[in-house]
């Protein structure tokens, strides 16, 4: 997330590739509709891109932080 916060698009791509299936699964469990879940995940990754610099590893795991963004 530090690299993402610095605007590194490759880091963001790697983050997306390694976490998107989990995030989509969480969104599907919450929403129950594939199209709505995909939209929610897209919005969540936009928020991750914009706010990666706010992530504090001392307060928790990156995946949990991202999961909260998806749930919200």
Protein backbone atom coordinates (compact mmCIF):
# COMPACT_ATOMS: atom_id res chain seq x y z
CA UNK A 1 0.00 0.00 0.00
CA UNK A 2 2.92 2.35 0.51
CA UNK A 3 3.82 1.98 -3.15
CA UNK A 4 0.20 2.45 -4.17
CA UNK A 5 0.09 5.61 -2.04
CA UNK A 6 3.06 6.95 -4.00
CA UNK A 7 1.12 6.49 -7.25
CA UNK A 8 2.80 3.27 -8.39
CA UNK A 9 0.36 1.79 -10.90
CA UNK A 10 2.22 -1.53 -11.08
CA UNK A 11 1.92 -1.92 -7.32
CA UNK A 12 -1.80 -1.19 -7.58
CA UNK A 13 -2.16 -3.78 -10.34
CA UNK A 14 -0.39 -6.39 -8.22
CA UNK A 15 -2.54 -5.49 -5.21
CA UNK A 16 -5.67 -5.83 -7.31
CA UNK A 17 -4.61 -9.16 -8.82
CA UNK A 18 -3.75 -10.62 -5.44
CA UNK A 19 -6.83 -9.40 -3.52
CA UNK A 20 -9.73 -8.80 -5.89
CA UNK A 21 -11.19 -12.31 -5.68
CA UNK A 22 -11.43 -12.04 -1.89
CA UNK A 23 -12.96 -8.59 -2.08
CA UNK A 24 -15.47 -9.70 -4.70
CA UNK A 25 -16.38 -12.71 -2.57
CA UNK A 26 -17.01 -10.47 0.43
CA UNK A 27 -19.12 -8.10 -1.66
CA UNK A 28 -21.13 -11.02 -3.06
CA UNK A 29 -21.88 -12.30 0.45
CA UNK A 30 -23.09 -8.85 1.48
CA UNK A 31 -25.02 -7.87 -1.63
CA UNK A 32 -26.06 -11.17 -3.17
CA UNK A 33 -26.11 -9.67 -6.66
CA UNK A 34 -23.07 -10.12 -8.93
CA UNK A 35 -23.51 -6.81 -10.78
CA UNK A 36 -23.91 -4.82 -7.56
CA UNK A 37 -20.96 -6.63 -5.99
CA UNK A 38 -18.74 -5.85 -8.99
CA UNK A 39 -19.74 -2.17 -8.82
CA UNK A 40 -19.03 -2.07 -5.09
CA UNK A 41 -15.60 -3.63 -5.58
CA UNK A 42 -14.76 -1.19 -8.37
CA UNK A 43 -15.68 1.72 -6.10
CA UNK A 44 -13.71 0.18 -3.25
CA UNK A 45 -10.55 -0.08 -5.35
CA UNK A 46 -10.94 3.55 -6.39
CA UNK A 47 -11.06 4.43 -2.70
CA UNK A 48 -8.02 2.25 -2.02
CA UNK A 49 -6.11 4.05 -4.79
CA UNK A 50 -7.08 7.45 -3.42
CA UNK A 51 -6.57 6.74 0.26
CA UNK A 52 -3.75 4.18 0.40
CA UNK A 53 -1.61 6.77 2.19
CA UNK A 54 -4.05 6.73 5.11
CA UNK A 55 -3.44 3.06 5.81
CA UNK A 56 -1.58 2.58 9.10
CA UNK A 57 -0.01 -0.89 9.42
CA UNK A 58 0.24 -0.38 13.18
CA UNK A 59 -3.56 -0.37 13.38
CA UNK A 60 -4.17 -3.58 11.44
CA UNK A 61 -3.68 -5.71 8.37
CA UNK A 62 -3.97 -4.27 4.87
CA UNK A 63 -6.48 -6.91 3.78
CA UNK A 64 -8.72 -6.11 6.75
CA UNK A 65 -8.50 -2.39 5.97
CA UNK A 66 -9.49 -3.07 2.37
CA UNK A 67 -12.31 -5.35 3.51
CA UNK A 68 -13.75 -2.55 5.59
CA UNK A 69 -13.71 -0.31 2.53
CA UNK A 70 -15.62 -2.95 0.56
CA UNK A 71 -18.16 -3.42 3.35
CA UNK A 72 -18.73 0.31 3.69
